[in-house]
Amino acid sequence: MDLGSFSNYNITNDSINQWVVIVKENISQADLLLEKLGTRRKELPVTLFLLSVYGLMFISGVLGNVCTCVVILRNANLRTSTNYYLLSLAISDVLILITECTGY
C-alpha cells in the first residue's frame, strides 16, 4: 500500500495531546520521509564528535581486554577456572569490537 491511498484522511487525536498524525494531501513519499525521519547525514561537528567517542571506546575496549588477557596468561597464580572464563570473555569482547569496527 502506498502513501497516496491515505491522502484523503486527516487523522488527529486531541484527547491525548501527545501524538497528532496528520496525513497531508499531495505530498510525495520522499518529502514525507524527510519530514518524519530527518536528513540522512549529520552535520560535520556531530559526526566528528561521534567518531571521536566511538574511537575512544574502541581503543579503550581493545586495550583493556588485551591487558586482561596478558595479565591472566603471564601470572601462574591467576590460572584458575574463573579467570579462564574471564579470559574467554575478554577474547570474545575484543573480537566483537574488531568485527563491529570493520562492519561485518
PDB file of N, CA and C in Angstrom:
ATOM      1  N   MET A   1       0.851  -1.168   0.000  1.00  0.00           N
ATOM      2  CA  MET A   1       0.000   0.000   0.000  1.00  0.00           C
ATOM      3  C   MET A   1       0.897   1.232   0.000  1.00  0.00           C
ATOM      4  N   ASP A   2       0.654   2.146  -0.907  1.00  0.00           N
ATOM      5  CA  ASP A   2       1.473   3.344  -0.952  1.00  0.00           C
ATOM      6  C   ASP A   2       0.834   4.455  -0.128  1.00  0.00           C
ATOM      7  N   LEU A   3       1.609   5.505   0.085  1.00  0.00           N
ATOM      8  CA  LEU A   3       1.130   6.603   0.918  1.00  0.00           C
ATOM      9  C   LEU A   3       0.044   7.426   0.246  1.00  0.00           C
ATOM     10  N   GLY A   4      -0.073   7.300  -1.053  1.00  0.00           N
ATOM     11  CA  GLY A   4      -1.092   8.059  -1.762  1.00  0.00           C
ATOM     12  C   GLY A   4      -2.509   7.649  -1.400  1.00  0.00           C
ATOM     13  N   SER A   5      -2.701   6.403  -0.925  1.00  0.00           N
ATOM     14  CA  SER A   5      -4.033   5.949  -0.576  1.00  0.00           C
ATOM     15  C   SER A   5      -4.540   6.597   0.713  1.00  0.00           C
ATOM     16  N   PHE A   6      -3.638   7.195   1.488  1.00  0.00           N
ATOM     17  CA  PHE A   6      -4.044   7.864   2.722  1.00  0.00           C
ATOM     18  C   PHE A   6      -4.250   9.373   2.531  1.00  0.00           C
ATOM     19  N   SER A   7      -4.160   9.836   1.317  1.00  0.00           N
ATOM     20  CA  SER A   7      -4.177  11.285   1.103  1.00  0.00           C
ATOM     21  C   SER A   7      -5.526  11.921   1.395  1.00  0.00           C
ATOM     22  N   ASN A   8      -6.594  11.153   1.511  1.00  0.00           N
ATOM     23  CA  ASN A   8      -7.899  11.740   1.769  1.00  0.00           C
ATOM     24  C   ASN A   8      -8.229  11.827   3.254  1.00  0.00           C
ATOM     25  N   TYR A   9      -7.356  11.312   4.116  1.00  0.00           N
ATOM     26  CA  TYR A   9      -7.661  11.252   5.538  1.00  0.00           C
ATOM     27  C   TYR A   9      -6.843  12.260   6.322  1.00  0.00           C
ATOM     28  N   ASN A  10      -7.486  12.893   7.253  1.00  0.00           N
ATOM     29  CA  ASN A  10      -6.815  13.734   8.236  1.00  0.00           C
ATOM     30  C   ASN A  10      -7.124  13.140   9.599  1.00  0.00           C
ATOM     31  N   ILE A  11      -6.136  12.529  10.240  1.00  0.00           N
ATOM     32  CA  ILE A  11      -6.342  11.819  11.496  1.00  0.00           C
ATOM     33  C   ILE A  11      -5.685  12.625  12.606  1.00  0.00           C
ATOM     34  N   THR A  12      -6.471  12.994  13.606  1.00  0.00           N
ATOM     35  CA  THR A  12      -5.910  13.713  14.751  1.00  0.00           C
ATOM     36  C   THR A  12      -6.423  13.077  16.020  1.00  0.00           C
ATOM     37  N   ASN A  13      -5.663  13.188  17.062  1.00  0.00           N
ATOM     38  CA  ASN A  13      -6.058  12.686  18.372  1.00  0.00           C
ATOM     39  C   ASN A  13      -5.774  13.793  19.372  1.00  0.00           C
ATOM     40  N   ASP A  14      -6.744  14.654  19.623  1.00  0.00           N
ATOM     41  CA  ASP A  14      -6.542  15.792  20.506  1.00  0.00           C
ATOM     42  C   ASP A  14      -6.803  15.449  21.960  1.00  0.00           C
ATOM     43  N   SER A  15      -7.393  14.292  22.267  1.00  0.00           N
ATOM     44  CA  SER A  15      -7.679  13.961  23.658  1.00  0.00           C
ATOM     45  C   SER A  15      -6.404  13.667  24.431  1.00  0.00           C
ATOM     46  N   ILE A  16      -5.403  13.115  23.786  1.00  0.00           N
ATOM     47  CA  ILE A  16      -4.149  12.813  24.471  1.00  0.00           C
ATOM     48  C   ILE A  16      -3.196  14.001  24.401  1.00  0.00           C
ATOM     49  N   ASN A  17      -3.275  14.787  23.348  1.00  0.00           N
ATOM     50  CA  ASN A  17      -2.394  15.926  23.102  1.00  0.00           C
ATOM     51  C   ASN A  17      -0.928  15.509  23.055  1.00  0.00           C
ATOM     52  N   GLN A  18      -0.681  14.264  22.723  1.00  0.00           N
ATOM     53  CA  GLN A  18       0.691  13.789  22.662  1.00  0.00           C
ATOM     54  C   GLN A  18       1.068  13.426  21.243  1.00  0.00           C
ATOM     55  N   TRP A  19       0.225  12.669  20.590  1.00  0.00           N
ATOM     56  CA  TRP A  19       0.511  12.253  19.223  1.00  0.00           C
ATOM     57  C   TRP A  19      -0.561  12.815  18.307  1.00  0.00           C
ATOM     58  N   VAL A  20      -0.136  13.574  17.352  1.00  0.00           N
ATOM     59  CA  VAL A  20      -1.056  14.095  16.349  1.00  0.00           C
ATOM     60  C   VAL A  20      -0.504  13.692  14.996  1.00  0.00           C
ATOM     61  N   VAL A  21      -1.299  12.909  14.278  1.00  0.00           N
ATOM     62  CA  VAL A  21      -0.878  12.441  12.968  1.00  0.00           C
ATOM     63  C   VAL A  21      -1.767  13.101  11.936  1.00  0.00           C
ATOM     64  N   ILE A  22      -1.170  13.846  11.085  1.00  0.00           N
ATOM     65  CA  ILE A  22      -1.911  14.498  10.010  1.00  0.00           C
ATOM     66  C   ILE A  22      -1.272  14.063   8.704  1.00  0.00           C
ATOM     67  N   VAL A  23      -2.026  13.373   7.911  1.00  0.00           N
ATOM     68  CA  VAL A  23      -1.534  12.970   6.606  1.00  0.00           C
ATOM     69  C   VAL A  23      -1.926  14.063   5.632  1.00  0.00           C
ATOM     70  N   LYS A  24      -0.929  14.723   5.097  1.00  0.00           N
ATOM     71  CA  LYS A  24      -1.178  15.862   4.220  1.00  0.00           C
ATOM     72  C   LYS A  24      -1.500  15.376   2.818  1.00  0.00           C
ATOM     73  N   GLU A  25      -2.266  16.153   2.133  1.00  0.00           N
ATOM     74  CA  GLU A  25      -2.604  15.827   0.757  1.00  0.00           C
ATOM     75  C   GLU A  25      -1.503  16.329  -0.169  1.00  0.00           C
ATOM     76  N   ASN A  26      -1.291  15.608  -1.244  1.00  0.00           N
ATOM     77  CA  ASN A  26      -0.352  15.981  -2.308  1.00  0.00           C
ATOM     78  C   ASN A  26       1.084  16.111  -1.800  1.00  0.00           C
ATOM     79  N   ILE A  27       1.517  15.183  -0.996  1.00  0.00           N
ATOM     80  CA  ILE A  27       2.901  15.184  -0.546  1.00  0.00           C
ATOM     81  C   ILE A  27       3.545  13.883  -1.034  1.00  0.00           C
ATOM     82  N   SER A  28       4.747  13.989  -1.525  1.00  0.00           N
ATOM     83  CA  SER A  28       5.409  12.795  -2.057  1.00  0.00           C
ATOM     84  C   SER A  28       5.969  11.951  -0.916  1.00  0.00           C
ATOM     85  N   GLN A  29       6.275  10.709  -1.232  1.00  0.00           N
ATOM     86  CA  GLN A  29       6.840   9.821  -0.218  1.00  0.00           C
ATOM     87  C   GLN A  29       8.188  10.327   0.271  1.00  0.00           C
ATOM     88  N   ALA A  30       9.006  10.848  -0.626  1.00  0.00           N
ATOM     89  CA  ALA A  30      10.327  11.345  -0.248  1.00  0.00           C
ATOM     90  C   ALA A  30      10.201  12.535   0.699  1.00  0.00           C
ATOM     91  N   ASP A  31       9.261  13.445   0.418  1.00  0.00           N
ATOM     92  CA  ASP A  31       9.072  14.595   1.302  1.00  0.00           C
ATOM     93  C   ASP A  31       8.524  14.170   2.660  1.00  0.00           C
ATOM     94  N   LEU A  32       7.626  13.192   2.670  1.00  0.00           N
ATOM     95  CA  LEU A  32       7.071  12.706   3.924  1.00  0.00           C
ATOM     96  C   LEU A  32       8.152  12.029   4.769  1.00  0.00           C
ATOM     97  N   LEU A  33       8.995  11.208   4.150  1.00  0.00           N
ATOM     98  CA  LEU A  33      10.081  10.561   4.879  1.00  0.00           C
ATOM     99  C   LEU A  33      11.090  11.578   5.393  1.00  0.00           C
ATOM    100  N   LEU A  34      11.402  12.588   4.595  1.00  0.00           N
ATOM    101  CA  LEU A  34      12.326  13.633   5.027  1.00  0.00           C
ATOM    102  C   LEU A  34      11.758  14.409   6.204  1.00  0.00           C
ATOM    103  N   GLU A  35      10.455  14.653   6.183  1.00  0.00           N
ATOM    104  CA  GLU A  35       9.818  15.387   7.274  1.00  0.00           C
ATOM    105  C   GLU A  35       9.779  14.561   8.557  1.00  0.00           C
ATOM    106  N   LYS A  36       9.482  13.274   8.445  1.00  0.00           N
ATOM    107  CA  LYS A  36       9.339  12.435   9.643  1.00  0.00           C
ATOM    108  C   LYS A  36      10.671  11.944  10.184  1.00  0.00           C
ATOM    109  N   LEU A  37      11.606  11.559   9.317  1.00  0.00           N
ATOM    110  CA  LEU A  37      12.861  10.957   9.757  1.00  0.00           C
ATOM    111  C   LEU A  37      14.024  11.936   9.810  1.00  0.00           C
ATOM    112  N   GLY A  38      13.932  13.038   9.112  1.00  0.00           N
ATOM    113  CA  GLY A  38      15.033  13.987   9.077  1.00  0.00           C
ATOM    114  C   GLY A  38      16.021  13.645   7.974  1.00  0.00           C
ATOM    115  N   THR A  39      17.110  14.386   7.945  1.00  0.00           N
ATOM    116  CA  THR A  39      18.110  14.150   6.912  1.00  0.00           C
ATOM    117  C   THR A  39      18.879  12.871   7.193  1.00  0.00           C
ATOM    118  N   ARG A  40      19.489  12.317   6.171  1.00  0.00           N
ATOM    119  CA  ARG A  40      20.215  11.052   6.302  1.00  0.00           C
ATOM    120  C   ARG A  40      21.577  11.248   6.944  1.00  0.00           C
ATOM    121  N   ARG A  41      22.164  12.388   6.812  1.00  0.00           N
ATOM    122  CA  ARG A  41      23.514  12.618   7.316  1.00  0.00           C
ATOM    123  C   ARG A  41      23.499  13.681   8.402  1.00  0.00           C
ATOM    124  N   LYS A  42      24.438  13.523   9.322  1.00  0.00           N
ATOM    125  CA  LYS A  42      24.593  14.501  10.395  1.00  0.00           C
ATOM    126  C   LYS A  42      25.534  15.607   9.935  1.00  0.00           C
ATOM    127  N   GLU A  43      25.556  16.697  10.678  1.00  0.00           N
ATOM    128  CA  GLU A  43      26.478  17.774  10.380  1.00  0.00           C
ATOM    129  C   GLU A  43      27.894  17.340  10.742  1.00  0.00           C
ATOM    130  N   LEU A  44      28.893  18.032  10.209  1.00  0.00           N
ATOM    131  CA  LEU A  44      30.291  17.654  10.409  1.00  0.00           C
ATOM    132  C   LEU A  44      30.714  17.671  11.877  1.00  0.00           C
ATOM    133  N   PRO A  45      30.368  18.680  12.696  1.00  0.00           N
ATOM    134  CA  PRO A  45      30.773  18.633  14.112  1.00  0.00           C
ATOM    135  C   PRO A  45      30.175  17.450  14.870  1.00  0.00           C
ATOM    136  N   VAL A  46      28.935  17.110  14.572  1.00  0.00           N
ATOM    137  CA  VAL A  46      28.293  15.965  15.226  1.00  0.00           C
ATOM    138  C   VAL A  46      28.982  14.674  14.800  1.00  0.00           C
ATOM    139  N   THR A  47      29.301  14.559  13.519  1.00  0.00           N
ATOM    140  CA  THR A  47      29.979  13.377  13.008  1.00  0.00           C
ATOM    141  C   THR A  47      31.359  13.232  13.636  1.00  0.00           C
ATOM    142  N   LEU A  48      32.113  14.319  13.738  1.00  0.00           N
ATOM    143  CA  LEU A  48      33.440  14.258  14.348  1.00  0.00           C
ATOM    144  C   LEU A  48      33.367  13.914  15.828  1.00  0.00           C
ATOM    145  N   PHE A  49      32.384  14.448  16.521  1.00  0.00           N
ATOM    146  CA  PHE A  49      32.223  14.130  17.945  1.00  0.00           C
ATOM    147  C   PHE A  49      31.903  12.650  18.134  1.00  0.00           C
ATOM    148  N   LEU A  50      30.960  12.144  17.353  1.00  0.00           N
ATOM    149  CA  LEU A  50      30.608  10.732  17.461  1.00  0.00           C
ATOM    150  C   LEU A  50      31.773   9.827  17.063  1.00  0.00           C
ATOM    151  N   LEU A  51      32.516  10.227  16.046  1.00  0.00           N
ATOM    152  CA  LEU A  51      33.680   9.451  15.630  1.00  0.00           C
ATOM    153  C   LEU A  51      34.737   9.402  16.727  1.00  0.00           C
ATOM    154  N   SER A  52      34.952  10.519  17.409  1.00  0.00           N
ATOM    155  CA  SER A  52      35.941  10.528  18.488  1.00  0.00           C
ATOM    156  C   SER A  52      35.469   9.708  19.688  1.00  0.00           C
ATOM    157  N   VAL A  53      34.192   9.772  20.023  1.00  0.00           N
ATOM    158  CA  VAL A  53      33.668   8.978  21.138  1.00  0.00           C
ATOM    159  C   VAL A  53      33.751   7.489  20.829  1.00  0.00           C
ATOM    160  N   TYR A  54      33.331   7.087  19.619  1.00  0.00           N
ATOM    161  CA  TYR A  54      33.391   5.675  19.242  1.00  0.00           C
ATOM    162  C   TYR A  54      34.831   5.195  19.138  1.00  0.00           C
ATOM    163  N   GLY A  55      35.721   6.046  18.640  1.00  0.00           N
ATOM    164  CA  GLY A  55      37.131   5.683  18.566  1.00  0.00           C
ATOM    165  C   GLY A  55      37.739   5.478  19.939  1.00  0.00           C
ATOM    166  N   LEU A  56      37.386   6.359  20.880  1.00  0.00           N
ATOM    167  CA  LEU A  56      37.875   6.225  22.252  1.00  0.00           C
ATOM    168  C   LEU A  56      37.333   4.959  22.905  1.00  0.00           C
ATOM    169  N   MET A  57      36.077   4.646  22.648  1.00  0.00           N
ATOM    170  CA  MET A  57      35.504   3.413  23.182  1.00  0.00           C
ATOM    171  C   MET A  57      36.188   2.191  22.594  1.00  0.00           C
ATOM    172  N   PHE A  58      36.491   2.219  21.305  1.00  0.00           N
ATOM    173  CA  PHE A  58      37.154   1.097  20.656  1.00  0.00           C
ATOM    174  C   PHE A  58      38.556   0.892  21.225  1.00  0.00           C
ATOM    175  N   ILE A  59      39.323   1.963  21.311  1.00  0.00           N
ATOM    176  CA  ILE A  59      40.702   1.858  21.798  1.00  0.00           C
ATOM    177  C   ILE A  59      40.741   1.406  23.250  1.00  0.00           C
ATOM    178  N   SER A  60      39.907   2.000  24.089  1.00  0.00           N
ATOM    179  CA  SER A  60      39.914   1.598  25.496  1.00  0.00           C
ATOM    180  C   SER A  60      39.408   0.172  25.674  1.00  0.00           C
ATOM    181  N   GLY A  61      38.449  -0.236  24.876  1.00  0.00           N
ATOM    182  CA  GLY A  61      37.942  -1.603  24.967  1.00  0.00           C
ATOM    183  C   GLY A  61      38.973  -2.631  24.557  1.00  0.00           C
ATOM    184  N   VAL A  62      39.643  -2.381  23.446  1.00  0.00           N
ATOM    185  CA  VAL A  62      40.662  -3.324  22.984  1.00  0.00           C
ATOM    186  C   VAL A  62      41.836  -3.357  23.948  1.00  0.00           C
ATOM    187  N   LEU A  63      42.332  -2.187  24.363  1.00  0.00           N
ATOM    188  CA  LEU A  63      43.479  -2.151  25.280  1.00  0.00           C
ATOM    189  C   LEU A  63      43.153  -2.804  26.625  1.00  0.00           C
ATOM    190  N   GLY A  64      41.995  -2.524  27.161  1.00  0.00           N
ATOM    191  CA  GLY A  64      41.618  -3.107  28.450  1.00  0.00           C
ATOM    192  C   GLY A  64      41.483  -4.610  28.391  1.00  0.00           C
ATOM    193  N   ASN A  65      40.888  -5.114  27.347  1.00  0.00           N
ATOM    194  CA  ASN A  65      40.706  -6.560  27.226  1.00  0.00           C
ATOM    195  C   ASN A  65      42.016  -7.273  26.896  1.00  0.00           C
ATOM    196  N   VAL A  66      42.871  -6.660  26.098  1.00  0.00           N
ATOM    197  CA  VAL A  66      44.176  -7.260  25.818  1.00  0.00           C
ATOM    198  C   VAL A  66      45.019  -7.290  27.084  1.00  0.00           C
ATOM    199  N   CYS A  67      44.968  -6.220  27.870  1.00  0.00           N
ATOM    200  CA  CYS A  67      45.698  -6.212  29.151  1.00  0.00           C
ATOM    201  C   CYS A  67      45.173  -7.295  30.090  1.00  0.00           C
ATOM    202  N   THR A  68      43.887  -7.509  30.113  1.00  0.00           N
ATOM    203  CA  THR A  68      43.312  -8.576  30.928  1.00  0.00           C
ATOM    204  C   THR A  68      43.841  -9.937  30.481  1.00  0.00           C
ATOM    205  N   CYS A  69      43.889 -10.153  29.177  1.00  0.00           N
ATOM    206  CA  CYS A  69      44.411 -11.424  28.656  1.00  0.00           C
ATOM    207  C   CYS A  69      45.873 -11.611  29.013  1.00  0.00           C
ATOM    208  N   VAL A  70      46.669 -10.562  28.872  1.00  0.00           N
ATOM    209  CA  VAL A  70      48.104 -10.660  29.160  1.00  0.00           C
ATOM    210  C   VAL A  70      48.339 -10.947  30.631  1.00  0.00           C
ATOM    211  N   VAL A  71      47.626 -10.273  31.515  1.00  0.00           N
ATOM    212  CA  VAL A  71      47.813 -10.470  32.951  1.00  0.00           C
ATOM    213  C   VAL A  71      47.442 -11.893  33.350  1.00  0.00           C
ATOM    214  N   ILE A  72      46.347 -12.395  32.844  1.00  0.00           N
ATOM    215  CA  ILE A  72      45.923 -13.755  33.213  1.00  0.00           C
ATOM    216  C   ILE A  72      46.898 -14.799  32.665  1.00  0.00           C
ATOM    217  N   LEU A  73      47.395 -14.606  31.459  1.00  0.00           N
ATOM    218  CA  LEU A  73      48.280 -15.599  30.858  1.00  0.00           C
ATOM    219  C   LEU A  73      49.700 -15.557  31.429  1.00  0.00           C
ATOM    220  N   ARG A  74      50.162 -14.412  31.910  1.00  0.00           N
ATOM    221  CA  ARG A  74      51.542 -14.298  32.413  1.00  0.00           C
ATOM    222  C   ARG A  74      51.690 -14.716  33.863  1.00  0.00           C
ATOM    223  N   ASN A  75      50.652 -14.597  34.660  1.00  0.00           N
ATOM    224  CA  ASN A  75      50.738 -14.926  36.081  1.00  0.00           C
ATOM    225  C   ASN A  75      50.179 -16.324  36.317  1.00  0.00           C
ATOM    226  N   ALA A  76      51.018 -17.182  36.860  1.00  0.00           N
ATOM    227  CA  ALA A  76      50.598 -18.561  37.116  1.00  0.00           C
ATOM    228  C   ALA A  76      49.557 -18.627  38.230  1.00  0.00           C
ATOM    229  N   ASN A  77      49.584 -17.672  39.155  1.00  0.00           N
ATOM    230  CA  ASN A  77      48.618 -17.665  40.257  1.00  0.00           C
ATOM    231  C   ASN A  77      47.196 -17.352  39.780  1.00  0.00           C
ATOM    232  N   LEU A  78      47.081 -16.732  38.625  1.00  0.00           N
ATOM    233  CA  LEU A  78      45.767 -16.332  38.118  1.00  0.00           C
ATOM    234  C   LEU A  78      45.142 -17.365  37.182  1.00  0.00           C
ATOM    235  N   ARG A  79      45.773 -18.509  37.040  1.00  0.00           N
ATOM    236  CA  ARG A  79      45.254 -19.532  36.134  1.00  0.00           C
ATOM    237  C   ARG A  79      44.264 -20.434  36.865  1.00  0.00           C
ATOM    238  N   THR A  80      43.107 -19.862  37.111  1.00  0.00           N
ATOM    239  CA  THR A  80      42.012 -20.611  37.738  1.00  0.00           C
ATOM    240  C   THR A  80      40.877 -20.715  36.728  1.00  0.00           C
ATOM    241  N   SER A  81      39.906 -21.523  37.053  1.00  0.00           N
ATOM    242  CA  SER A  81      38.781 -21.693  36.127  1.00  0.00           C
ATOM    243  C   SER A  81      37.990 -20.396  35.965  1.00  0.00           C
ATOM    244  N   THR A  82      37.873 -19.628  37.039  1.00  0.00           N
ATOM    245  CA  THR A  82      37.155 -18.351  36.946  1.00  0.00           C
ATOM    246  C   THR A  82      37.902 -17.376  36.051  1.00  0.00           C
ATOM    247  N   ASN A  83      39.218 -17.320  36.205  1.00  0.00           N
ATOM    248  CA  ASN A  83      39.981 -16.394  35.369  1.00  0.00           C
ATOM    249  C   ASN A  83      40.064 -16.856  33.922  1.00  0.00           C
ATOM    250  N   TYR A  84      40.031 -18.169  33.688  1.00  0.00           N
ATOM    251  CA  TYR A  84      39.954 -18.647  32.311  1.00  0.00           C
ATOM    252  C   TYR A  84      38.621 -18.241  31.671  1.00  0.00           C
ATOM    253  N   TYR A  85      37.582 -18.218  32.468  1.00  0.00           N
ATOM    254  CA  TYR A  85      36.295 -17.736  31.973  1.00  0.00           C
ATOM    255  C   TYR A  85      36.384 -16.247  31.644  1.00  0.00           C
ATOM    256  N   LEU A  86      37.037 -15.462  32.501  1.00  0.00           N
ATOM    257  CA  LEU A  86      37.232 -14.038  32.220  1.00  0.00           C
ATOM    258  C   LEU A  86      38.107 -13.834  30.989  1.00  0.00           C
ATOM    259  N   LEU A  87      39.104 -14.701  30.810  1.00  0.00           N
ATOM    260  CA  LEU A  87      39.944 -14.642  29.619  1.00  0.00           C
ATOM    261  C   LEU A  87      39.112 -14.894  28.363  1.00  0.00           C
ATOM    262  N   SER A  88      38.247 -15.879  28.443  1.00  0.00           N
ATOM    263  CA  SER A  88      37.366 -16.170  27.320  1.00  0.00           C
ATOM    264  C   SER A  88      36.463 -14.986  27.001  1.00  0.00           C
ATOM    265  N   LEU A  89      35.932 -14.349  28.015  1.00  0.00           N
ATOM    266  CA  LEU A  89      35.077 -13.166  27.798  1.00  0.00           C
ATOM    267  C   LEU A  89      35.864 -12.008  27.205  1.00  0.00           C
ATOM    268  N   ALA A  90      37.090 -11.828  27.656  1.00  0.00           N
ATOM    269  CA  ALA A  90      37.921 -10.739  27.130  1.00  0.00           C
ATOM    270  C   ALA A  90      38.256 -10.982  25.660  1.00  0.00           C
ATOM    271  N   ILE A  91      38.565 -12.215  25.310  1.00  0.00           N
ATOM    272  CA  ILE A  91      38.862 -12.523  23.915  1.00  0.00           C
ATOM    273  C   ILE A  91      37.629 -12.312  23.034  1.00  0.00           C
ATOM    274  N   SER A  92      36.487 -12.769  23.500  1.00  0.00           N
ATOM    275  CA  SER A  92      35.265 -12.575  22.708  1.00  0.00           C
ATOM    276  C   SER A  92      34.908 -11.096  22.595  1.00  0.00           C
ATOM    277  N   ASP A  93      35.165 -10.332  23.637  1.00  0.00           N
ATOM    278  CA  ASP A  93      34.900  -8.891  23.592  1.00  0.00           C
ATOM    279  C   ASP A  93      35.798  -8.205  22.576  1.00  0.00           C
ATOM    280  N   VAL A  94      37.065  -8.577  22.523  1.00  0.00           N
ATOM    281  CA  VAL A  94      37.977  -8.000  21.533  1.00  0.00           C
ATOM    282  C   VAL A  94      37.518  -8.349  20.126  1.00  0.00           C
ATOM    283  N   LEU A  95      37.116  -9.600  19.918  1.00  0.00           N
ATOM    284  CA  LEU A  95      36.651  -9.999  18.588  1.00  0.00           C
ATOM    285  C   LEU A  95      35.387  -9.256  18.194  1.00  0.00           C
ATOM    286  N   ILE A  96      34.507  -9.027  19.128  1.00  0.00           N
ATOM    287  CA  ILE A  96      33.284  -8.279  18.819  1.00  0.00           C
ATOM    288  C   ILE A  96      33.618  -6.820  18.494  1.00  0.00           C
ATOM    289  N   LEU A  97      34.534  -6.226  19.261  1.00  0.00           N
ATOM    290  CA  LEU A  97      34.937  -4.852  18.971  1.00  0.00           C
ATOM    291  C   LEU A  97      35.554  -4.729  17.579  1.00  0.00           C
ATOM    292  N   ILE A  98      36.376  -5.685  17.211  1.00  0.00           N
ATOM    293  CA  ILE A  98      37.027  -5.626  15.900  1.00  0.00           C
ATOM    294  C   ILE A  98      36.010  -5.838  14.779  1.00  0.00           C
ATOM    295  N   THR A  99      35.114  -6.795  14.934  1.00  0.00           N
ATOM    296  CA  THR A  99      34.135  -7.027  13.869  1.00  0.00           C
ATOM    297  C   THR A  99      33.122  -5.897  13.765  1.00  0.00           C
ATOM    298  N   GLU A 100      32.760  -5.272  14.861  1.00  0.00           N
ATOM    299  CA  GLU A 100      31.843  -4.132  14.799  1.00  0.00           C
ATOM    300  C   GLU A 100      32.519  -2.938  14.156  1.00  0.00           C
ATOM    301  N   CYS A 101      33.804  -2.773  14.391  1.00  0.00           N
ATOM    302  CA  CYS A 101      34.519  -1.636  13.810  1.00  0.00           C
ATOM    303  C   CYS A 101      34.674  -1.806  12.312  1.00  0.00           C
ATOM    304  N   THR A 102      34.903  -3.035  11.861  1.00  0.00           N
ATOM    305  CA  THR A 102      35.093  -3.261  10.437  1.00  0.00           C
ATOM    306  C   THR A 102      33.772  -3.342   9.676  1.00  0.00           C
ATOM    307  N   GLY A 103      32.661  -3.527  10.374  1.00  0.00           N
ATOM    308  CA  GLY A 103      31.361  -3.515   9.720  1.00  0.00           C
ATOM    309  C   GLY A 103      30.849  -4.872   9.303  1.00  0.00           C
ATOM    310  N   TYR A 104      31.439  -5.947   9.737  1.00  0.00           N
ATOM    311  CA  TYR A 104      30.960  -7.286   9.383  1.00  0.00           C
ATOM    312  C   TYR A 104      29.964  -7.803  10.371  1.00  0.00           C
TER     313      TYR A 104
END
